[in-house]
Amino acid sequence: MRSLILSVSILAMAMSAASADPIADRKAAMKERGGLVGSLAPIAKGEQPFDSAKVAEVFAALKVNADAYNVDALFPAGSETGDTTASPKIWEDMAGFKAAVDKYKAEVTAADAAKPADLDAFRAEFGKVTANCGSCHEVFRVKKG
């Protein structure tokens, strides 16, 4: 898991620097985020035993990922076209999108700070985070297929 934290830290530093390809950068950030969430899903579903150390480590990595998610750098004007599933609604309602991202960041920060010590506490925090992901994707992502 140390390599996971190191990878997230490297991504955070890379995302904070100016990039020539914001679409690639936001895809990388979301792919990483999805992988982190996906690593906790089996615990939430009861398919793997609750592991407080793993949960704490992944919530910490999600916080690093969220903190590095700079909307202005990742969604500049002109990056709404190309190989992206970002909805045009992002640029039509940038304030609403930023509010959704800020809400996600707050939920991840709270989950990280909570340090869930049992399955029920974990599920409560994880549920808030994933519900936020789903609601943002409903509005601000173009569905594939």
Protein backbone atom coordinates (compact mmCIF):
# COMPACT_ATOMS: atom_id res chain seq x y z
CA MET A 1 0.00 0.00 0.00
CA ARG A 2 2.96 2.32 0.42
CA SER A 3 3.40 2.25 -3.32
CA LEU A 4 -0.25 3.28 -3.64
CA ILE A 5 0.35 6.35 -1.49
CA LEU A 6 3.53 7.13 -3.41
CA SER A 7 1.67 6.81 -6.73
CA VAL A 8 -1.08 9.12 -5.52
CA SER A 9 1.48 11.65 -4.31
CA ILE A 10 3.28 11.61 -7.65
CA LEU A 11 -0.04 12.11 -9.46
CA ALA A 12 -0.89 15.00 -7.17
CA MET A 13 2.39 16.72 -7.94
CA ALA A 14 1.97 16.10 -11.66
CA MET A 15 -1.59 17.42 -11.66
CA SER A 16 -0.55 20.58 -9.83
CA ALA A 17 1.84 21.47 -12.63
CA ALA A 18 0.57 23.02 -15.82
CA SER A 19 -0.36 20.41 -18.37
CA ALA A 20 -0.60 20.44 -22.12
CA ASP A 21 -3.39 17.84 -22.08
CA PRO A 22 -6.11 18.46 -19.49
CA ILE A 23 -8.30 15.68 -20.95
CA ALA A 24 -5.57 13.09 -20.36
CA ASP A 25 -4.89 14.49 -16.89
CA ARG A 26 -8.52 14.35 -15.79
CA LYS A 27 -8.91 10.86 -17.23
CA ALA A 28 -5.86 9.73 -15.26
CA ALA A 29 -7.21 11.29 -12.07
CA MET A 30 -10.62 9.68 -12.51
CA LYS A 31 -9.10 6.31 -13.42
CA GLU A 32 -7.04 6.41 -10.25
CA ARG A 33 -10.07 7.48 -8.22
CA GLY A 34 -12.13 4.65 -9.69
CA GLY A 35 -9.42 2.15 -8.83
CA LEU A 36 -9.26 3.36 -5.26
CA VAL A 37 -13.03 3.24 -4.82
CA GLY A 38 -13.08 -0.13 -6.53
CA SER A 39 -10.55 -1.49 -4.05
CA LEU A 40 -12.99 -0.74 -1.22
CA ALA A 41 -16.17 -1.96 -2.93
CA PRO A 42 -15.63 -5.65 -2.04
CA ILE A 43 -15.38 -4.68 1.63
CA ALA A 44 -18.57 -2.64 1.44
CA LYS A 45 -20.36 -5.56 -0.26
CA GLY A 46 -19.15 -8.03 2.36
CA GLU A 47 -17.06 -9.93 -0.18
CA GLN A 48 -13.85 -9.19 1.73
CA PRO A 49 -13.35 -8.79 5.46
CA PHE A 50 -13.22 -5.30 6.93
CA ASP A 51 -9.61 -4.12 7.25
CA SER A 52 -9.32 -0.81 9.07
CA ALA A 53 -5.72 -0.27 7.94
CA LYS A 54 -6.62 -0.75 4.26
CA VAL A 55 -9.69 1.47 4.59
CA ALA A 56 -7.64 4.22 6.24
CA GLU A 57 -4.93 3.99 3.60
CA VAL A 58 -7.37 4.12 0.69
CA PHE A 59 -9.39 6.98 2.20
CA ALA A 60 -6.10 8.88 2.64
CA ALA A 61 -5.19 8.20 -0.99
CA LEU A 62 -8.66 9.35 -2.11
CA LYS A 63 -8.12 12.57 -0.19
CA VAL A 64 -4.78 13.17 -1.92
CA ASN A 65 -6.47 12.51 -5.27
CA ALA A 66 -9.37 14.85 -4.44
CA ASP A 67 -7.09 17.62 -3.16
CA ALA A 68 -5.10 17.50 -6.40
CA TYR A 69 -8.24 17.74 -8.54
CA ASN A 70 -7.98 21.33 -9.77
CA VAL A 71 -11.11 22.12 -11.77
CA ASP A 72 -9.62 25.22 -13.43
CA ALA A 73 -6.58 23.28 -14.66
CA LEU A 74 -8.47 20.13 -15.66
CA PHE A 75 -11.47 21.76 -17.36
CA PRO A 76 -10.20 24.87 -19.17
CA ALA A 77 -12.24 26.37 -21.98
CA GLY A 78 -11.64 24.41 -25.15
CA SER A 79 -11.22 21.05 -23.41
CA GLU A 80 -14.87 20.14 -23.79
CA THR A 81 -14.26 18.57 -27.19
CA GLY A 82 -12.18 15.57 -28.10
CA ASP A 83 -11.92 12.14 -26.52
CA THR A 84 -13.86 12.95 -23.37
CA THR A 85 -17.03 11.95 -21.56
CA ALA A 86 -17.15 15.26 -19.72
CA SER A 87 -20.59 16.75 -20.31
CA PRO A 88 -20.95 20.20 -21.88
CA LYS A 89 -22.97 20.97 -18.73
CA ILE A 90 -19.65 21.42 -16.92
CA TRP A 91 -18.82 24.52 -18.96
CA GLU A 92 -22.45 25.68 -19.02
CA ASP A 93 -22.63 25.54 -15.20
CA MET A 94 -19.05 25.79 -14.00
CA ALA A 95 -20.17 27.10 -10.59
CA GLY A 96 -22.45 24.09 -10.12
CA PHE A 97 -19.69 21.72 -11.20
CA LYS A 98 -17.21 23.31 -8.81
CA ALA A 99 -19.79 23.00 -6.02
CA ALA A 100 -20.18 19.29 -6.80
CA VAL A 101 -16.40 18.80 -6.76
CA ASP A 102 -16.15 20.72 -3.47
CA LYS A 103 -18.89 18.52 -1.98
CA TYR A 104 -16.98 15.42 -3.05
CA LYS A 105 -13.78 16.78 -1.53
CA ALA A 106 -15.61 17.48 1.74
CA GLU A 107 -17.06 13.94 1.82
CA VAL A 108 -13.65 12.38 1.17
CA THR A 109 -12.01 14.60 3.79
CA ALA A 110 -14.67 13.57 6.33
CA ALA A 111 -14.26 9.88 5.46
CA ASP A 112 -10.49 10.16 5.85
CA ALA A 113 -10.82 11.97 9.18
CA ALA A 114 -13.41 9.50 10.51
CA LYS A 115 -10.96 6.59 10.45
CA PRO A 116 -13.81 4.01 10.50
CA ALA A 117 -13.08 1.30 13.04
CA ASP A 118 -15.77 -1.16 11.99
CA LEU A 119 -17.74 -2.25 8.95
CA ASP A 120 -20.86 -0.23 9.72
CA ALA A 121 -18.90 3.00 10.22
CA PHE A 122 -16.97 2.31 7.03
CA ARG A 123 -20.12 1.63 5.03
CA ALA A 124 -21.64 4.91 6.23
CA GLU A 125 -18.62 6.94 5.09
CA PHE A 126 -18.11 4.97 1.88
CA GLY A 127 -21.79 5.36 1.03
CA LYS A 128 -21.57 9.15 1.27
CA VAL A 129 -18.52 9.24 -0.98
CA THR A 130 -19.94 6.93 -3.63
CA ALA A 131 -23.36 8.60 -3.61
CA ASN A 132 -21.58 11.85 -4.35
CA CYS A 133 -19.70 10.22 -7.23
CA GLY A 134 -22.92 8.91 -8.71
CA SER A 135 -24.83 12.17 -8.47
CA CYS A 136 -22.01 14.12 -10.11
CA HIS A 137 -21.73 11.58 -12.93
CA GLU A 138 -25.48 11.79 -13.56
CA VAL A 139 -25.26 15.50 -14.30
CA PHE A 140 -21.71 16.15 -15.48
CA ARG A 141 -20.70 13.06 -17.48
CA VAL A 142 -21.90 11.84 -20.85
CA LYS A 143 -22.93 8.21 -20.63
CA LYS A 144 -21.04 5.84 -22.92
CA GLY A 145 -22.87 3.56 -25.31
